[in-house]
Protein backbone atom coordinates (compact mmCIF):
# COMPACT_ATOMS: atom_id res chain seq x y z
CA MET A 1 36.54 40.55 1.75
CA LEU A 2 38.88 42.03 4.39
CA THR A 3 38.15 43.09 7.95
CA LEU A 4 39.95 46.35 9.10
CA ARG A 5 40.32 47.11 12.74
CA TYR A 6 41.23 50.32 14.66
CA VAL A 7 41.03 51.75 18.05
CA ARG A 8 39.19 55.06 18.56
CA PHE A 9 40.35 57.58 21.22
CA PRO A 10 37.23 59.97 21.52
CA ALA A 11 37.92 63.71 21.17
CA THR A 12 38.20 65.69 24.49
CA THR A 13 36.55 68.81 23.01
CA SER A 14 32.84 69.60 22.82
CA LYS A 15 33.27 70.71 19.22
CA PRO A 16 35.45 67.95 17.61
CA GLY A 17 36.91 68.60 14.21
CA ALA A 18 37.58 65.90 11.52
CA PRO A 19 38.63 62.48 12.83
CA ILE A 20 42.38 62.14 12.89
CA VAL A 21 43.58 58.89 11.26
CA TYR A 22 47.09 57.79 12.20
CA LEU A 23 49.00 56.00 9.41
CA ALA A 24 51.90 53.78 10.60
CA GLY A 25 55.19 53.31 8.72
CA GLY A 26 56.82 50.18 7.36
CA PRO A 27 54.96 49.13 5.33
CA GLY A 28 53.67 46.69 7.86
CA GLY A 29 53.57 48.71 11.04
CA SER A 30 50.62 48.66 13.34
CA GLY A 31 48.75 51.83 14.19
CA ILE A 32 47.36 50.20 17.24
CA GLU A 33 50.57 48.89 18.47
CA THR A 34 52.24 52.35 17.95
CA ALA A 35 49.60 53.99 20.14
CA LYS A 36 50.52 51.71 23.05
CA HIS A 37 54.13 52.90 23.37
CA ARG A 38 56.30 56.07 23.09
CA ARG A 39 53.91 57.97 21.02
CA PHE A 40 50.90 57.53 23.26
CA PRO A 41 51.14 61.06 24.70
CA LEU A 42 50.95 62.43 21.20
CA PHE A 43 47.81 60.43 20.46
CA MET A 44 46.34 61.88 23.60
CA ALA A 45 47.36 65.42 22.66
CA MET A 46 45.74 65.12 19.36
CA ARG A 47 42.29 64.35 20.90
CA GLN A 48 41.74 68.04 21.70
CA PHE A 49 41.20 68.41 17.94
CA GLY A 50 38.98 65.37 17.20
CA ASP A 51 38.59 61.51 17.48
CA VAL A 52 41.94 59.95 17.03
CA ILE A 53 41.96 56.66 15.04
CA ALA A 54 44.69 54.24 15.56
CA LEU A 55 44.28 52.31 12.27
CA ASP A 56 45.82 48.88 11.46
CA GLN A 57 46.09 49.00 7.65
CA ARG A 58 45.10 46.01 5.55
CA GLY A 59 47.61 43.20 6.13
CA THR A 60 49.02 44.65 9.42
CA GLY A 61 48.46 43.98 13.11
CA ALA A 62 44.76 43.25 13.92
CA SER A 63 43.89 43.63 10.26
CA ASP A 64 46.17 40.94 9.03
CA ASP A 65 44.63 37.56 8.21
CA THR A 66 47.53 36.44 5.84
CA PRO A 67 49.71 33.53 6.94
CA VAL A 68 53.50 34.05 7.24
CA CYS A 69 55.47 32.27 4.60
CA LYS A 70 58.51 30.18 5.54
CA ALA A 71 60.51 29.84 2.43
CA SER A 72 61.96 26.25 1.97
CA LYS A 73 65.23 27.52 0.79
CA THR A 74 67.24 29.97 2.78
CA PRO A 75 70.50 31.76 1.56
CA SER A 76 73.53 30.01 3.17
CA GLU A 77 74.55 31.57 6.53
CA SER A 78 77.99 30.07 6.66
CA GLN A 79 79.20 30.35 3.02
CA ALA A 80 80.02 33.55 1.14
CA LEU A 81 77.46 34.66 -1.46
CA THR A 82 77.80 37.44 -4.05
CA ASP A 83 75.23 40.27 -3.72
CA GLN A 84 73.80 38.95 -7.01
CA ALA A 85 73.52 35.40 -5.71
CA PHE A 86 71.89 36.60 -2.47
CA ALA A 87 69.39 38.73 -4.34
CA ALA A 88 68.61 35.73 -6.69
CA ALA A 89 67.99 33.56 -3.73
CA TYR A 90 65.61 36.16 -2.18
CA ARG A 91 63.79 36.58 -5.41
CA ALA A 92 63.26 32.76 -5.65
CA ALA A 93 61.85 32.86 -2.00
CA ALA A 94 59.56 35.65 -3.01
CA LEU A 95 58.26 33.67 -5.93
CA GLU A 96 57.72 30.57 -3.69
CA CYS A 97 55.95 32.66 -1.10
CA ALA A 98 53.67 34.17 -3.82
CA ALA A 99 52.55 30.61 -4.77
CA PHE A 100 52.18 29.75 -1.09
CA TRP A 101 49.78 32.71 -0.60
CA LYS A 102 47.99 32.14 -3.77
CA ALA A 103 47.30 28.53 -2.77
CA ARG A 104 45.71 29.81 0.41
CA GLY A 105 43.43 32.32 -1.25
CA VAL A 106 45.53 35.37 -0.56
CA ASP A 107 45.44 37.79 -3.77
CA LEU A 108 48.55 39.94 -3.45
CA ARG A 109 47.06 42.32 -5.81
CA GLY A 110 44.89 43.48 -3.05
CA TYR A 111 47.89 44.71 -1.04
CA ASN A 112 49.01 48.04 -2.50
CA THR A 113 48.87 51.72 -1.56
CA ASN A 114 45.84 52.46 -3.94
CA GLU A 115 43.75 49.81 -2.22
CA SER A 116 44.69 51.31 1.24
CA VAL A 117 43.74 54.75 -0.05
CA ARG A 118 40.16 53.26 -0.89
CA ASP A 119 40.20 51.78 2.67
CA LEU A 120 40.70 55.42 4.04
CA ASP A 121 37.72 56.64 2.20
CA ALA A 122 35.62 53.60 3.38
CA LEU A 123 36.85 54.37 6.88
CA ARG A 124 35.70 58.00 6.50
CA ARG A 125 32.23 56.88 5.38
CA HIS A 126 32.10 54.40 8.24
CA LEU A 127 32.89 57.19 10.72
CA GLY A 128 30.17 59.28 9.26
CA ALA A 129 32.72 61.95 8.51
CA GLY A 130 32.67 64.43 5.48
CA LYS A 131 36.41 64.72 6.00
CA ILE A 132 39.36 63.12 7.80
CA THR A 133 42.71 64.39 8.84
CA LEU A 134 45.68 62.17 8.03
CA TRP A 135 48.64 61.88 10.39
CA GLY A 136 51.50 59.75 9.20
CA ILE A 137 55.21 58.83 9.31
CA SER A 138 57.43 57.08 6.88
CA TYR A 139 55.46 54.61 4.68
CA GLY A 140 52.35 56.26 6.27
CA THR A 141 53.33 59.45 4.40
CA HIS A 142 53.59 57.36 1.17
CA LEU A 143 49.98 56.44 1.71
CA ALA A 144 48.94 59.95 2.70
CA LEU A 145 50.56 61.42 -0.50
CA ALA A 146 48.56 58.84 -2.60
CA ALA A 147 45.36 59.77 -0.75
CA LEU A 148 45.98 63.50 -1.56
CA LYS A 149 45.97 62.57 -5.22
CA SER A 150 42.53 60.90 -5.25
CA MET A 151 40.63 62.15 -2.10
CA SER A 152 41.71 65.69 -1.50
CA PRO A 153 38.10 66.84 -1.24
CA HIS A 154 37.58 64.57 1.71
CA LEU A 155 40.81 65.59 3.50
CA ASP A 156 40.78 68.37 6.17
CA ARG A 157 44.45 68.45 7.06
CA VAL A 158 47.64 66.37 6.66
CA VAL A 159 50.55 65.97 9.03
CA ILE A 160 53.48 64.00 7.61
CA ALA A 161 56.95 63.37 8.97
CA SER A 162 59.89 61.53 7.37
CA VAL A 163 58.35 61.54 3.97
CA GLU A 164 58.59 58.80 1.50
CA GLY A 165 57.52 60.13 -1.91
CA LEU A 166 55.45 57.97 -4.35
CA ASP A 167 58.59 57.43 -6.43
CA GLN A 168 60.83 56.98 -3.36
CA THR A 169 60.29 53.38 -2.24
CA VAL A 170 63.95 52.94 -3.31
CA LYS A 171 66.07 55.80 -1.95
CA LEU A 172 69.14 57.36 -3.82
CA PRO A 173 72.39 55.89 -2.40
CA ALA A 174 74.15 59.28 -2.99
CA ARG A 175 71.73 60.90 -0.62
CA THR A 176 72.57 58.17 1.99
CA ASP A 177 76.15 59.19 1.54
CA ALA A 178 75.22 62.90 2.21
CA TYR A 179 73.47 61.69 5.48
CA PHE A 180 76.86 60.52 6.67
CA ASP A 181 78.21 63.98 6.02
CA ARG A 182 75.48 65.47 8.17
CA LEU A 183 76.18 62.86 10.79
CA GLN A 184 79.98 63.70 10.79
CA ALA A 185 79.03 67.39 11.41
CA ALA A 186 76.96 66.37 14.41
CA VAL A 187 79.83 64.19 15.76
CA ASP A 188 82.25 67.09 15.37
CA THR A 189 80.35 69.21 17.86
CA ASN A 190 81.85 66.83 20.54
CA PRO A 191 85.65 67.02 20.68
CA GLU A 192 86.15 63.63 22.13
CA ALA A 193 83.74 62.10 19.59
CA GLN A 194 85.47 64.00 16.75
CA ALA A 195 88.85 62.46 18.01
CA ALA A 196 87.25 59.04 17.97
CA TYR A 197 85.55 59.37 14.65
CA PRO A 198 87.58 61.96 12.52
CA ASP A 199 86.30 60.48 9.27
CA ILE A 200 83.22 58.36 9.49
CA LYS A 201 82.95 57.54 5.90
CA ALA A 202 86.61 56.51 5.63
CA LEU A 203 85.97 54.32 8.73
CA ILE A 204 82.94 52.54 7.26
CA ALA A 205 84.68 52.01 3.90
CA ARG A 206 87.76 50.54 5.58
CA VAL A 207 85.55 48.00 7.37
CA HIS A 208 83.40 47.18 4.47
CA GLY A 209 86.68 46.69 2.41
CA ALA A 210 88.22 44.42 4.98
CA LEU A 211 84.95 42.23 5.15
CA GLN A 212 84.85 42.16 1.29
CA ALA A 213 88.49 40.87 1.17
CA LYS A 214 88.03 38.44 4.10
CA PRO A 215 84.63 37.72 5.60
CA VAL A 216 84.62 36.90 9.29
CA MET A 217 83.14 33.65 10.74
CA LEU A 218 81.07 34.44 13.97
CA HIS A 219 79.61 31.85 16.28
CA LEU A 220 75.96 32.61 17.54
CA LYS A 221 73.44 30.65 19.38
CA ASP A 222 70.61 29.18 17.40
CA ALA A 223 67.01 28.86 18.72
CA ASN A 224 68.03 25.82 20.76
CA GLY A 225 71.01 27.40 22.34
CA LYS A 226 73.46 25.58 20.28
CA ASP A 227 76.58 27.12 18.57
CA ALA A 228 76.05 28.08 14.86
CA ALA A 229 78.66 29.44 12.43
CA VAL A 230 77.38 32.48 10.73
CA LEU A 231 79.64 34.35 8.27
CA LEU A 232 79.76 38.13 8.51
CA GLN A 233 80.20 39.60 5.09
CA ARG A 234 80.37 43.18 3.88
CA ARG A 235 76.74 42.95 2.90
CA THR A 236 75.64 41.71 6.16
CA LEU A 237 77.15 44.70 7.95
CA GLN A 238 75.68 47.16 5.28
CA MET A 239 72.20 45.74 5.90
CA ILE A 240 72.44 46.11 9.77
CA GLU A 241 73.76 49.73 9.20
CA ALA A 242 70.91 50.58 6.89
CA GLY A 243 68.31 49.79 9.64
CA ALA A 244 70.35 51.19 12.53
CA ILE A 245 70.85 54.67 11.08
CA SER A 246 67.23 55.61 11.14
CA ASP A 247 67.86 57.70 14.23
CA PRO A 248 70.92 59.13 15.97
CA GLU A 249 70.88 56.64 18.75
CA GLY A 250 71.19 53.72 16.38
CA ALA A 251 73.99 55.68 14.56
CA VAL A 252 75.97 56.02 17.82
CA GLN A 253 75.72 52.17 18.44
CA MET A 254 76.96 51.48 14.86
CA LEU A 255 79.88 53.95 15.15
CA ALA A 256 81.11 51.99 18.04
CA VAL A 257 80.64 48.75 15.99
CA TYR A 258 82.60 50.03 13.14
CA ARG A 259 85.41 51.40 15.39
CA ALA A 260 85.67 48.11 17.15
CA ALA A 261 85.63 46.18 13.81
CA ASP A 262 88.25 48.43 12.48
CA ALA A 263 90.44 47.26 15.44
CA GLY A 264 89.63 43.72 14.77
CA ASN A 265 87.02 43.30 17.31
CA TYR A 266 83.80 41.79 16.00
CA GLN A 267 82.10 40.94 19.29
CA PRO A 268 79.90 44.05 19.34
CA ILE A 269 78.44 43.23 16.00
CA ALA A 270 78.08 39.66 16.90
CA GLY A 271 76.06 40.81 19.99
CA ILE A 272 73.75 42.76 17.70
CA MET A 273 73.25 39.98 15.28
CA GLN A 274 72.51 37.56 18.27
CA LYS A 275 69.72 39.89 19.41
CA TYR A 276 67.93 40.06 16.10
CA PHE A 277 68.99 37.06 14.13
CA SER A 278 68.31 33.35 14.78
CA PRO A 279 70.78 31.13 12.94
CA GLY A 280 69.21 28.20 11.19
CA ALA A 281 65.75 29.78 11.07
CA PRO A 282 63.77 29.67 7.82
CA LEU A 283 63.53 32.94 5.81
CA GLU A 284 60.13 34.37 6.59
CA MET A 285 57.99 36.63 4.49
CA GLN A 286 54.88 38.62 5.25
CA ALA A 287 52.52 39.32 2.35
CA MET A 288 51.62 43.03 2.97
CA PRO A 289 55.16 44.46 3.20
CA LEU A 290 56.44 42.62 0.32
CA ALA A 291 53.45 43.25 -1.97
CA MET A 292 53.18 46.95 -1.00
CA ASP A 293 56.87 47.70 -1.84
CA VAL A 294 56.80 45.67 -5.16
CA ALA A 295 53.54 47.43 -6.05
CA SER A 296 54.92 50.96 -5.45
CA GLY A 297 57.97 49.90 -7.36
CA ILE A 298 60.59 51.91 -9.28
CA ASP A 299 60.68 53.30 -12.79
CA GLU A 300 63.50 52.44 -15.19
CA LYS A 301 65.11 55.97 -15.09
CA ARG A 302 65.42 55.96 -11.26
CA LEU A 303 66.55 52.34 -11.14
CA ALA A 304 69.40 53.20 -13.52
CA LEU A 305 70.45 56.05 -11.32
CA VAL A 306 70.22 53.91 -8.17
CA GLU A 307 72.41 51.27 -9.84
CA GLN A 308 74.95 53.91 -10.90
CA GLN A 309 75.22 55.55 -7.49
CA ALA A 310 75.24 52.16 -5.73
CA ARG A 311 78.59 51.20 -7.27
CA THR A 312 80.45 53.74 -5.10
CA ALA A 313 78.04 54.44 -2.20
CA LEU A 314 78.84 53.27 1.28
CA LEU A 315 75.60 51.20 1.62
CA GLY A 316 75.36 50.26 -2.01
CA ASP A 317 71.76 49.50 -2.94
CA LEU A 318 70.97 47.84 0.33
CA LEU A 319 69.23 50.60 2.21
CA ASN A 320 65.82 49.54 1.20
CA PHE A 321 66.43 45.71 0.69
CA PRO A 322 64.53 43.72 -0.54
CA MET A 323 63.88 46.71 -3.05
CA PRO A 324 65.08 47.16 -5.73
CA GLN A 325 66.24 43.60 -5.57
CA LEU A 326 62.63 42.31 -5.99
CA GLY A 327 61.80 44.79 -8.69
CA GLY A 328 60.03 42.98 -11.56
CA VAL A 329 59.87 39.74 -9.76
CA LEU A 330 56.00 40.00 -9.58
CA PRO A 331 55.25 42.37 -12.46
CA GLN A 332 51.46 41.82 -12.08
CA LEU A 333 51.67 43.77 -8.75
CA ASP A 334 53.42 46.93 -10.06
CA LEU A 335 51.04 50.03 -10.00
CA GLY A 336 52.99 51.73 -12.84
CA ASP A 337 54.57 55.06 -13.44
CA ALA A 338 51.35 57.04 -13.28
CA PHE A 339 51.06 56.06 -9.50
CA ARG A 340 54.52 57.34 -8.89
CA THR A 341 53.87 60.86 -9.98
CA ALA A 342 53.75 63.34 -7.15
CA PRO A 343 50.43 64.84 -5.93
CA HIS A 344 49.24 68.41 -6.48
CA SER A 345 46.76 69.45 -3.64
CA HIS A 346 45.52 72.53 -1.74
CA VAL A 347 44.91 70.64 1.44
CA PRO A 348 46.79 72.30 4.36
CA THR A 349 49.80 69.96 5.12
CA LEU A 350 52.46 70.05 7.69
CA LEU A 351 55.87 68.55 6.73
CA LEU A 352 58.43 67.54 9.51
CA SER A 353 61.89 66.52 8.44
CA GLY A 354 64.78 65.37 10.67
CA THR A 355 68.36 66.34 9.55
CA LEU A 356 69.80 63.18 11.03
CA ASP A 357 67.17 60.80 9.52
CA GLY A 358 69.08 58.04 7.92
CA ARG A 359 66.18 56.57 6.00
CA THR A 360 64.50 59.41 4.22
CA TYR A 361 66.20 62.60 3.48
CA PRO A 362 65.30 66.34 3.69
CA ASP A 363 65.99 66.90 -0.10
CA SER A 364 63.77 63.97 -0.98
CA HIS A 365 61.03 65.37 1.45
CA ARG A 366 61.05 68.74 -0.48
CA GLU A 367 60.79 66.84 -3.87
CA ALA A 368 57.88 64.57 -2.72
CA THR A 369 55.81 67.48 -1.60
CA ALA A 370 56.66 70.07 -4.21
CA GLY A 371 53.22 70.10 -5.57
CA LEU A 372 51.50 70.77 -2.32
CA ASP A 373 50.64 74.54 -2.42
CA HIS A 374 49.43 74.96 1.11
CA LEU A 375 52.57 73.30 2.78
CA GLN A 376 54.15 74.30 6.07
CA ALA A 377 57.56 72.81 6.40
CA ILE A 378 59.43 72.52 9.66
CA THR A 379 63.05 71.08 9.88
CA VAL A 380 63.77 69.31 13.20
CA VAL A 381 67.59 69.81 13.59
CA ASN A 382 69.44 66.69 15.05
CA ALA A 383 66.21 64.44 14.87
CA GLY A 384 66.15 61.20 13.20
CA HIS A 385 63.46 59.22 11.30
CA ASN A 386 61.20 58.70 14.36
CA LEU A 387 61.08 62.31 15.19
CA PHE A 388 57.68 62.78 16.80
CA MET A 389 59.10 62.38 20.29
CA ALA A 390 62.48 63.92 19.63
CA THR A 391 61.45 67.06 21.58
CA PRO A 392 58.16 68.43 23.15
CA GLN A 393 58.41 71.30 20.60
CA VAL A 394 57.32 68.89 17.78
CA THR A 395 53.98 68.33 19.59
CA THR A 396 53.69 72.09 20.08
CA ALA A 397 54.20 72.74 16.37
CA ILE A 398 51.60 69.99 15.41
CA GLU A 399 49.16 71.63 17.77
CA ARG A 400 49.74 75.08 16.33
CA PHE A 401 49.07 73.63 12.77
CA MET A 402 45.97 71.84 13.89
CA ARG A 403 44.64 75.09 15.26
CA GLY A 404 45.32 76.81 11.92
CA GLU A 405 48.02 78.93 13.34
CA PRO A 406 51.35 79.75 11.54
CA ALA A 407 54.51 77.95 12.59
CA ALA A 408 56.52 79.81 15.38
CA SER A 409 59.54 78.82 13.47
CA THR A 410 60.58 76.82 10.54
CA GLN A 411 63.21 75.09 12.61
CA ILE A 412 63.12 73.12 15.82
CA ILE A 413 66.38 72.00 17.60
CA ALA A 414 66.40 68.64 19.23
CA PRO A 415 69.15 67.36 21.64
CA LEU A 416 71.89 65.34 20.24
CA PRO A 417 73.05 61.95 21.78
CA ASP A 418 76.39 61.63 23.23
CA PHE A 419 78.56 60.35 20.37
CA LYS A 420 81.54 60.01 22.63
CA PRO A 421 82.59 56.33 22.71
CA VAL A 422 82.42 54.70 26.18
CA LEU A 423 84.39 51.57 25.38
CA PRO A 424 87.79 51.04 23.86
CA PRO A 425 87.65 49.62 20.30
CA SER A 426 89.36 46.39 20.91
CA LYS A 427 89.31 43.84 23.80
CA LYS A 428 92.21 44.09 26.28
């Protein structure tokens, strides 16, 4: 048995509609923690339509009773490893952690999107509601799409942003490359930024090529404040870039990193690594994120396409690491191809897509929601993956949808960050 926890923000209207359940991204994000920070005003705004439920999905936040696994063997930080060797080490760690959790009574088969859909229906009954409204982002939309397949009669409305389709746990590398074209177009709107970054894709490719030919040894501080040698490989930078490009602000930072590295200055990337990386620390894994991604999986046809595109793509197949690298490592978890089919539903649904989302992409959003025949789609120009707070107009659009009104426009324009570099590329 699992205990699921949530925070309820009571409706501010005398005639509340269906409870609104927030579905965090990740997988692994906490709805309760999300409500405490930047999106708090949106949680409050949604109360005019019904009780707002900040849910911690099974295995996350206050609903997580699984121990963290610290793998006994961690890939070398100071010696060069091929991508294949690095993936093999990660797969070995995943198998070790699966055994660790099993020995402690954790059944990884309980951590998949279908089980979380059943949780949503259990939550609905617990709240005494005939229907609930789902409001999700990123992985939360993956869960919402799965819910549309099996509990549509119990769903009032659905609001989804930065959609991850049921067959899109692993994104197509060619679409990541297309994102960089959109980023270039945004950069080109600023003459100084355009002069600094005339060809983003060429810049990234040059830096990756240089690191592939000759990795760079950096010196970071470990948890005890001692110097530790860490080898910066092409793969390391690709993985950092994959996380940073979610939003335009991260892309700005990484452009400066690549510009500096192209001039032989690796201090900016060392500073980023020091902030998020502790040399010598064991490789840690959490049960829910690992099991959820492996369970959603990837079919053979899409995997072949990903592998083909990854050979020439700027980030290879590292955008969603550790998938597809962990594909097949725990075959008993995979939900199968039937799970990965897109939903067909009449439930009113609002889709929000950011043009500068570096994690999920507008073309993919449309494919994932093609079977929803009561869909209202709004493109948020210049917004990234975390688009809810990109502009107050997003809140207004959600409010109109919740009132059953047509969209004022199919497009919202958010402000762009300043792409102009503030520092020279190399140290003087």
